[in-house]
C-alpha atoms as a PDB file:
ATOM      1  CA  MET A   1      42.991  81.893  88.187  1.00  0.00           C
ATOM      2  CA  THR A   2      43.758  82.889  85.053  1.00  0.00           C
ATOM      3  CA  ILE A   3      47.571  83.033  83.981  1.00  0.00           C
ATOM      4  CA  ALA A   4      47.679  86.885  84.084  1.00  0.00           C
ATOM      5  CA  GLU A   5      46.336  87.129  87.298  1.00  0.00           C
ATOM      6  CA  ALA A   6      49.258  84.873  88.294  1.00  0.00           C
ATOM      7  CA  VAL A   7      51.743  86.996  86.528  1.00  0.00           C
ATOM      8  CA  VAL A   8      50.901  89.639  88.290  1.00  0.00           C
ATOM      9  CA  LYS A   9      50.140  88.221  91.804  1.00  0.00           C
ATOM     10  CA  ARG A  10      53.483  87.082  91.854  1.00  0.00           C
ATOM     11  CA  LEU A  11      55.259  90.031  90.254  1.00  0.00           C
ATOM     12  CA  TYR A  12      53.744  91.834  93.416  1.00  0.00           C
ATOM     13  CA  GLU A  13      55.012  90.000  95.456  1.00  0.00           C
ATOM     14  CA  LEU A  14      58.962  89.682  94.305  1.00  0.00           C
ATOM     15  CA  ILE A  15      58.794  93.861  94.543  1.00  0.00           C
ATOM     16  CA  ASP A  16      57.164  94.105  97.337  1.00  0.00           C
ATOM     17  CA  ALA A  17      59.871  91.638  98.954  1.00  0.00           C
ATOM     18  CA  ARG A  18      62.217  93.616  97.716  1.00  0.00           C
ATOM     19  CA  GLN A  19      60.804  97.017  98.382  1.00  0.00           C
ATOM     20  CA  LEU A  20      60.884  98.494  94.453  1.00  0.00           C
ATOM     21  CA  THR A  21      58.815 100.132  93.592  1.00  0.00           C
ATOM     22  CA  ILE A  22      57.110  99.247  89.445  1.00  0.00           C
ATOM     23  CA  ASN A  23      59.881 102.184  88.368  1.00  0.00           C
ATOM     24  CA  ARG A  24      62.921 101.022  89.875  1.00  0.00           C
ATOM     25  CA  ILE A  25      61.862  97.450  88.862  1.00  0.00           C
ATOM     26  CA  SER A  26      61.843  98.603  85.357  1.00  0.00           C
ATOM     27  CA  THR A  27      64.908 100.808  85.625  1.00  0.00           C
ATOM     28  CA  ILE A  28      66.869  97.502  86.812  1.00  0.00           C
ATOM     29  CA  SER A  29      65.381  95.083  84.412  1.00  0.00           C
ATOM     30  CA  GLY A  30      65.407  97.319  81.811  1.00  0.00           C
ATOM     31  CA  VAL A  31      61.749  96.966  80.180  1.00  0.00           C
ATOM     32  CA  THR A  32      59.888 100.021  79.764  1.00  0.00           C
ATOM     33  CA  GLN A  33      57.519 101.281  82.880  1.00  0.00           C
ATOM     34  CA  SER A  34      54.837 101.533  80.611  1.00  0.00           C
ATOM     35  CA  THR A  35      55.131  97.659  79.629  1.00  0.00           C
ATOM     36  CA  VAL A  36      55.071  96.899  83.757  1.00  0.00           C
ATOM     37  CA  SER A  37      52.942  98.863  84.621  1.00  0.00           C
ATOM     38  CA  ASP A  38      50.556  97.637  81.701  1.00  0.00           C
ATOM     39  CA  ILE A  39      51.445  94.493  82.716  1.00  0.00           C
ATOM     40  CA  VAL A  40      50.095  94.863  86.764  1.00  0.00           C
ATOM     41  CA  ASN A  41      47.313  96.854  86.288  1.00  0.00           C
ATOM     42  CA  GLY A  42      45.832  94.088  83.907  1.00  0.00           C
ATOM     43  CA  VAL A  43      45.996  96.091  80.543  1.00  0.00           C
ATOM     44  CA  THR A  44      48.829  93.517  78.751  1.00  0.00           C
ATOM     45  CA  SER A  45      47.307  90.056  79.813  1.00  0.00           C
ATOM     46  CA  ASN A  46      49.531  88.077  77.719  1.00  0.00           C
ATOM     47  CA  VAL A  47      53.252  88.964  79.102  1.00  0.00           C
ATOM     48  CA  LYS A  48      56.171  87.488  76.876  1.00  0.00           C
ATOM     49  CA  ILE A  49      58.467  84.844  78.272  1.00  0.00           C
ATOM     50  CA  ALA A  50      61.268  87.117  77.522  1.00  0.00           C
ATOM     51  CA  THR A  51      59.374  89.484  79.702  1.00  0.00           C
ATOM     52  CA  ILE A  52      59.346  87.720  82.443  1.00  0.00           C
ATOM     53  CA  LYS A  53      62.733  86.760  81.649  1.00  0.00           C
ATOM     54  CA  LYS A  54      64.475  89.941  81.302  1.00  0.00           C
ATOM     55  CA  LEU A  55      62.460  91.056  84.262  1.00  0.00           C
ATOM     56  CA  CYS A  56      63.621  88.037  86.569  1.00  0.00           C
ATOM     57  CA  ASP A  57      67.357  89.243  85.603  1.00  0.00           C
ATOM     58  CA  GLY A  58      66.099  92.222  87.161  1.00  0.00           C
ATOM     59  CA  LEU A  59      65.100  90.745  90.344  1.00  0.00           C
ATOM     60  CA  GLU A  60      68.231  88.676  90.390  1.00  0.00           C
ATOM     61  CA  ILE A  61      66.272  85.505  90.390  1.00  0.00           C
ATOM     62  CA  SER A  62      65.914  82.492  87.499  1.00  0.00           C
ATOM     63  CA  VAL A  63      62.749  82.093  85.754  1.00  0.00           C
ATOM     64  CA  ARG A  64      62.101  78.970  87.145  1.00  0.00           C
ATOM     65  CA  ASP A  65      62.106  80.837  90.525  1.00  0.00           C
ATOM     66  CA  PHE A  66      58.999  83.181  88.851  1.00  0.00           C
ATOM     67  CA  PHE A  67      57.226  80.812  88.705  1.00  0.00           C
ATOM     68  CA  ASP A  68      57.818  78.427  91.471  1.00  0.00           C
ATOM     69  CA  SER A  69      54.792  79.799  93.626  1.00  0.00           C
ATOM     70  CA  PRO A  70      51.537  78.001  94.642  1.00  0.00           C
ATOM     71  CA  LEU A  71      49.591  80.464  92.650  1.00  0.00           C
ATOM     72  CA  PHE A  72      50.488  78.649  89.581  1.00  0.00           C
ATOM     73  CA  ASP A  73      49.785  75.214  91.200  1.00  0.00           C
ATOM     74  CA  ASP A  74      45.189  75.776  90.290  1.00  0.00           C
ATOM     75  CA  LEU A  75      45.041  78.063  87.353  1.00  0.00           C
ATOM     76  CA  GLU A  76      42.347  78.055  85.373  1.00  0.00           C
ATOM     77  CA  GLN A  77      42.092  76.317  82.034  1.00  0.00           C
ATOM     78  CA  GLU A  78      42.056  79.075  79.452  1.00  0.00           C
ATOM     79  CA  LEU A  79      41.303  76.992  76.125  1.00  0.00           C
ATOM     80  CA  LYS A  80      38.642  79.035  75.277  1.00  0.00           C
END
């Protein structure tokens, strides 16, 4: 799994656990809906840490909590 895929899966986990929509997470985090949609649809593969931080703020979790998931344990090496 790539980092981009792991970020999408983790974001969906967190959104689903809180029963939020893409529109709602974008509103509470201050990230545009198009940006969130691009992330979850795989259009954006290099999500900025500042964007992840805003999403975490909206979810009321830390960046550490975001990345504290088995999804990030065995990522593919992305050197190309």
